[in-house]
Amino acid sequence: MSVPRFLSVLLGLAATSAVNAGGFDTPEDAVRALEQAYVQKNADAAVAAMDFVEEGRQMLQKINPTMANDPEIIKQSAQARELAFRNELRTKGFPDLAKLKCSLVGKAHISPELVKLTEQCVFPDGGKSLQDLFAIKRDLRWRVTMVPPP
């Protein structure tokens, strides 16, 4: 599995608990829940672990900063990002994380609401990959976001 594909899969995993809890207490909880959602092939749980609002806002910030301040446009962008994520899971399938051994090996606080986590995964053949994942805190809960702030 390629690193971008793996990251794409990894970011869809954290939602099993989020569906019920509405979010996670720590950035690590969000990443673990996203991974569990991938292992369980649970799209709703994966979506619950993600913050598509922040992804949409960041995308708009890069395109047109004025649009990044419009709540309705941000909402539409978030809906489009979630739909694209669900479509990717439906068409390409979930990443196969069941045989990987992953651990968080680094943590950097970018701001009080944004954390970069570095995860190392070991493949069955002994190969390793490092991924930087971002978690954002909004509404008192942490979720994974695929678009890091500028």
C-alpha atoms as a PDB file:
ATOM      1  CA  MET A   1       0.000   0.000   0.000  1.00  0.00           C
ATOM      2  CA  SER A   2       1.428   3.395  -0.914  1.00  0.00           C
ATOM      3  CA  VAL A   3       2.097   5.972   1.803  1.00  0.00           C
ATOM      4  CA  PRO A   4      -0.531   8.479   0.514  1.00  0.00           C
ATOM      5  CA  ARG A   5      -3.124   5.692   0.266  1.00  0.00           C
ATOM      6  CA  PHE A   6      -2.160   4.459   3.733  1.00  0.00           C
ATOM      7  CA  LEU A   7      -2.510   7.961   5.169  1.00  0.00           C
ATOM      8  CA  SER A   8      -5.843   8.356   3.472  1.00  0.00           C
ATOM      9  CA  VAL A   9      -6.985   5.118   5.061  1.00  0.00           C
ATOM     10  CA  LEU A  10      -5.511   5.896   8.433  1.00  0.00           C
ATOM     11  CA  LEU A  11      -7.338   9.164   8.612  1.00  0.00           C
ATOM     12  CA  GLY A  12     -10.664   7.477   8.202  1.00  0.00           C
ATOM     13  CA  LEU A  13     -10.315   5.228  11.267  1.00  0.00           C
ATOM     14  CA  ALA A  14     -11.107   7.140  14.426  1.00  0.00           C
ATOM     15  CA  ALA A  15     -14.862   7.189  14.553  1.00  0.00           C
ATOM     16  CA  THR A  16     -16.281   4.185  16.336  1.00  0.00           C
ATOM     17  CA  SER A  17     -16.367   5.882  19.726  1.00  0.00           C
ATOM     18  CA  ALA A  18     -17.022   9.275  18.194  1.00  0.00           C
ATOM     19  CA  VAL A  19     -20.362   8.197  16.801  1.00  0.00           C
ATOM     20  CA  ASN A  20     -21.564   7.759  20.366  1.00  0.00           C
ATOM     21  CA  ALA A  21     -19.410  10.279  22.190  1.00  0.00           C
ATOM     22  CA  GLY A  22     -19.299  13.079  19.625  1.00  0.00           C
ATOM     23  CA  GLY A  23     -15.533  13.385  19.838  1.00  0.00           C
ATOM     24  CA  PHE A  24     -12.474  12.350  21.772  1.00  0.00           C
ATOM     25  CA  ASP A  25     -10.760  13.546  24.927  1.00  0.00           C
ATOM     26  CA  THR A  26      -7.224  13.487  23.479  1.00  0.00           C
ATOM     27  CA  PRO A  27      -5.627  13.740  20.029  1.00  0.00           C
ATOM     28  CA  GLU A  28      -4.357  10.186  20.491  1.00  0.00           C
ATOM     29  CA  ASP A  29      -7.903   8.949  21.164  1.00  0.00           C
ATOM     30  CA  ALA A  30      -9.043  10.453  17.872  1.00  0.00           C
ATOM     31  CA  VAL A  31      -6.280   8.748  15.871  1.00  0.00           C
ATOM     32  CA  ARG A  32      -6.864   5.390  17.547  1.00  0.00           C
ATOM     33  CA  ALA A  33     -10.611   5.597  16.932  1.00  0.00           C
ATOM     34  CA  LEU A  34     -10.011   6.425  13.271  1.00  0.00           C
ATOM     35  CA  GLU A  35      -7.742   3.404  12.931  1.00  0.00           C
ATOM     36  CA  GLN A  36     -10.294   1.184  14.658  1.00  0.00           C
ATOM     37  CA  ALA A  37     -13.010   2.394  12.278  1.00  0.00           C
ATOM     38  CA  TYR A  38     -10.808   1.386   9.347  1.00  0.00           C
ATOM     39  CA  VAL A  39     -10.156  -2.055  10.820  1.00  0.00           C
ATOM     40  CA  GLN A  40     -13.912  -2.494  11.370  1.00  0.00           C
ATOM     41  CA  LYS A  41     -14.666  -1.042   7.915  1.00  0.00           C
ATOM     42  CA  ASN A  42     -17.094   1.398   9.532  1.00  0.00           C
ATOM     43  CA  ALA A  43     -17.467   4.501   7.362  1.00  0.00           C
ATOM     44  CA  ASP A  44     -19.726   6.299   9.844  1.00  0.00           C
ATOM     45  CA  ALA A  45     -17.215   5.803  12.635  1.00  0.00           C
ATOM     46  CA  ALA A  46     -14.407   7.031  10.388  1.00  0.00           C
ATOM     47  CA  VAL A  47     -16.392  10.137   9.474  1.00  0.00           C
ATOM     48  CA  ALA A  48     -17.132  10.790  13.150  1.00  0.00           C
ATOM     49  CA  ALA A  49     -13.402  10.826  13.891  1.00  0.00           C
ATOM     50  CA  MET A  50     -12.677  13.428  11.224  1.00  0.00           C
ATOM     51  CA  ASP A  51     -13.064  17.197  11.286  1.00  0.00           C
ATOM     52  CA  PHE A  52     -14.284  18.059   7.803  1.00  0.00           C
ATOM     53  CA  VAL A  53     -15.225  21.583   8.889  1.00  0.00           C
ATOM     54  CA  GLU A  54     -11.584  22.404   9.602  1.00  0.00           C
ATOM     55  CA  GLU A  55     -10.500  20.713   6.384  1.00  0.00           C
ATOM     56  CA  GLY A  56     -13.003  22.787   4.432  1.00  0.00           C
ATOM     57  CA  ARG A  57     -11.934  25.984   6.179  1.00  0.00           C
ATOM     58  CA  GLN A  58      -8.260  25.311   5.455  1.00  0.00           C
ATOM     59  CA  MET A  59      -8.991  24.519   1.816  1.00  0.00           C
ATOM     60  CA  LEU A  60     -10.960  27.754   1.464  1.00  0.00           C
ATOM     61  CA  GLN A  61      -8.201  29.703   3.220  1.00  0.00           C
ATOM     62  CA  LYS A  62      -5.806  28.628   0.488  1.00  0.00           C
ATOM     63  CA  ILE A  63      -8.251  29.410  -2.333  1.00  0.00           C
ATOM     64  CA  ASN A  64      -9.822  32.626  -1.087  1.00  0.00           C
ATOM     65  CA  PRO A  65      -9.319  33.819   2.521  1.00  0.00           C
ATOM     66  CA  THR A  66     -12.545  35.835   2.423  1.00  0.00           C
ATOM     67  CA  MET A  67     -14.542  32.670   1.763  1.00  0.00           C
ATOM     68  CA  ALA A  68     -12.846  30.981   4.731  1.00  0.00           C
ATOM     69  CA  ASN A  69     -14.788  33.341   7.022  1.00  0.00           C
ATOM     70  CA  ASP A  70     -18.233  32.564   5.589  1.00  0.00           C
ATOM     71  CA  PRO A  71     -19.966  29.914   7.755  1.00  0.00           C
ATOM     72  CA  GLU A  72     -22.288  28.779   4.957  1.00  0.00           C
ATOM     73  CA  ILE A  73     -19.469  28.306   2.460  1.00  0.00           C
ATOM     74  CA  ILE A  74     -17.415  26.479   5.112  1.00  0.00           C
ATOM     75  CA  LYS A  75     -20.398  24.202   5.791  1.00  0.00           C
ATOM     76  CA  GLN A  76     -20.785  23.434   2.070  1.00  0.00           C
ATOM     77  CA  SER A  77     -17.064  22.757   1.744  1.00  0.00           C
ATOM     78  CA  ALA A  78     -17.141  20.414   4.754  1.00  0.00           C
ATOM     79  CA  GLN A  79     -20.075  18.514   3.257  1.00  0.00           C
ATOM     80  CA  ALA A  80     -18.215  18.161  -0.040  1.00  0.00           C
ATOM     81  CA  ARG A  81     -15.070  16.903   1.724  1.00  0.00           C
ATOM     82  CA  GLU A  82     -17.074  14.354   3.712  1.00  0.00           C
ATOM     83  CA  LEU A  83     -18.824  13.136   0.561  1.00  0.00           C
ATOM     84  CA  ALA A  84     -15.480  12.766  -1.231  1.00  0.00           C
ATOM     85  CA  PHE A  85     -14.089  10.818   1.744  1.00  0.00           C
ATOM     86  CA  ARG A  86     -17.085   8.474   1.812  1.00  0.00           C
ATOM     87  CA  ASN A  87     -16.860   7.990  -1.960  1.00  0.00           C
ATOM     88  CA  GLU A  88     -13.188   7.092  -1.673  1.00  0.00           C
ATOM     89  CA  LEU A  89     -13.956   4.503   1.000  1.00  0.00           C
ATOM     90  CA  ARG A  90     -16.760   3.102  -1.137  1.00  0.00           C
ATOM     91  CA  THR A  91     -14.787   2.950  -4.393  1.00  0.00           C
ATOM     92  CA  LYS A  92     -11.266   2.170  -3.164  1.00  0.00           C
ATOM     93  CA  GLY A  93     -12.140   0.369   0.036  1.00  0.00           C
ATOM     94  CA  PHE A  94     -10.740   0.689   3.508  1.00  0.00           C
ATOM     95  CA  PRO A  95      -7.025   0.461   4.118  1.00  0.00           C
ATOM     96  CA  ASP A  96      -5.893  -2.851   5.515  1.00  0.00           C
ATOM     97  CA  LEU A  97      -4.477  -1.880   8.881  1.00  0.00           C
ATOM     98  CA  ALA A  98      -5.199  -5.135  10.690  1.00  0.00           C
ATOM     99  CA  LYS A  99      -1.700  -6.517  10.046  1.00  0.00           C
ATOM    100  CA  LEU A 100       0.173  -3.290  10.795  1.00  0.00           C
ATOM    101  CA  LYS A 101       1.713  -2.452  14.136  1.00  0.00           C
ATOM    102  CA  CYS A 102       1.382   1.285  14.609  1.00  0.00           C
ATOM    103  CA  SER A 103       2.481   3.496  17.462  1.00  0.00           C
ATOM    104  CA  LEU A 104       2.613   7.202  18.070  1.00  0.00           C
ATOM    105  CA  VAL A 105       6.243   8.251  18.306  1.00  0.00           C
ATOM    106  CA  GLY A 106       6.020  12.035  18.357  1.00  0.00           C
ATOM    107  CA  LYS A 107       3.755  14.863  19.419  1.00  0.00           C
ATOM    108  CA  ALA A 108       4.080  18.576  18.707  1.00  0.00           C
ATOM    109  CA  HIS A 109       1.644  21.220  19.911  1.00  0.00           C
ATOM    110  CA  ILE A 110       1.203  23.689  17.072  1.00  0.00           C
ATOM    111  CA  SER A 111      -1.381  25.626  19.070  1.00  0.00           C
ATOM    112  CA  PRO A 112      -3.642  24.825  22.034  1.00  0.00           C
ATOM    113  CA  GLU A 113      -6.208  23.482  19.555  1.00  0.00           C
ATOM    114  CA  LEU A 114      -3.895  21.804  17.049  1.00  0.00           C
ATOM    115  CA  VAL A 115      -1.505  18.897  17.560  1.00  0.00           C
ATOM    116  CA  LYS A 116       0.750  17.115  15.103  1.00  0.00           C
ATOM    117  CA  LEU A 117       1.188  13.437  15.927  1.00  0.00           C
ATOM    118  CA  THR A 118       3.837  11.312  14.255  1.00  0.00           C
ATOM    119  CA  GLU A 119       2.907   7.680  13.846  1.00  0.00           C
ATOM    120  CA  GLN A 120       5.240   4.871  12.871  1.00  0.00           C
ATOM    121  CA  CYS A 121       3.758   1.749  11.333  1.00  0.00           C
ATOM    122  CA  VAL A 122       5.585  -1.514  10.809  1.00  0.00           C
ATOM    123  CA  PHE A 123       4.412  -3.710   7.928  1.00  0.00           C
ATOM    124  CA  PRO A 124       4.412  -7.534   8.093  1.00  0.00           C
ATOM    125  CA  ASP A 125       7.521  -7.593   5.858  1.00  0.00           C
ATOM    126  CA  GLY A 126       9.388  -5.369   8.343  1.00  0.00           C
ATOM    127  CA  GLY A 127       9.048  -2.189   6.311  1.00  0.00           C
ATOM    128  CA  LYS A 128       8.263   0.972   8.203  1.00  0.00           C
ATOM    129  CA  SER A 129       6.452   4.198   7.451  1.00  0.00           C
ATOM    130  CA  LEU A 130       6.178   7.487   9.302  1.00  0.00           C
ATOM    131  CA  GLN A 131       3.068   9.607   8.989  1.00  0.00           C
ATOM    132  CA  ASP A 132       2.304  13.025  10.403  1.00  0.00           C
ATOM    133  CA  LEU A 133      -1.307  13.259  11.480  1.00  0.00           C
ATOM    134  CA  PHE A 134      -3.079  16.362  12.695  1.00  0.00           C
ATOM    135  CA  ALA A 135      -5.751  16.542  15.359  1.00  0.00           C
ATOM    136  CA  ILE A 136      -7.790  19.618  16.106  1.00  0.00           C
ATOM    137  CA  LYS A 137      -9.855  20.455  19.174  1.00  0.00           C
ATOM    138  CA  ARG A 138     -13.205  22.020  18.504  1.00  0.00           C
ATOM    139  CA  ASP A 139     -16.278  22.002  20.729  1.00  0.00           C
ATOM    140  CA  LEU A 140     -14.164  20.503  23.536  1.00  0.00           C
ATOM    141  CA  ARG A 141     -13.389  17.348  21.527  1.00  0.00           C
ATOM    142  CA  TRP A 142     -10.482  16.191  19.375  1.00  0.00           C
ATOM    143  CA  ARG A 143     -10.808  14.944  15.812  1.00  0.00           C
ATOM    144  CA  VAL A 144      -8.381  14.088  13.015  1.00  0.00           C
ATOM    145  CA  THR A 145      -7.996  16.558  10.180  1.00  0.00           C
ATOM    146  CA  MET A 146      -6.339  15.781   6.858  1.00  0.00           C
ATOM    147  CA  VAL A 147      -5.431  19.328   5.919  1.00  0.00           C
ATOM    148  CA  PRO A 148      -2.798  20.854   8.182  1.00  0.00           C
ATOM    149  CA  PRO A 149      -3.127  24.567   8.850  1.00  0.00           C
ATOM    150  CA  PRO A 150      -0.799  26.823   6.853  1.00  0.00           C
END
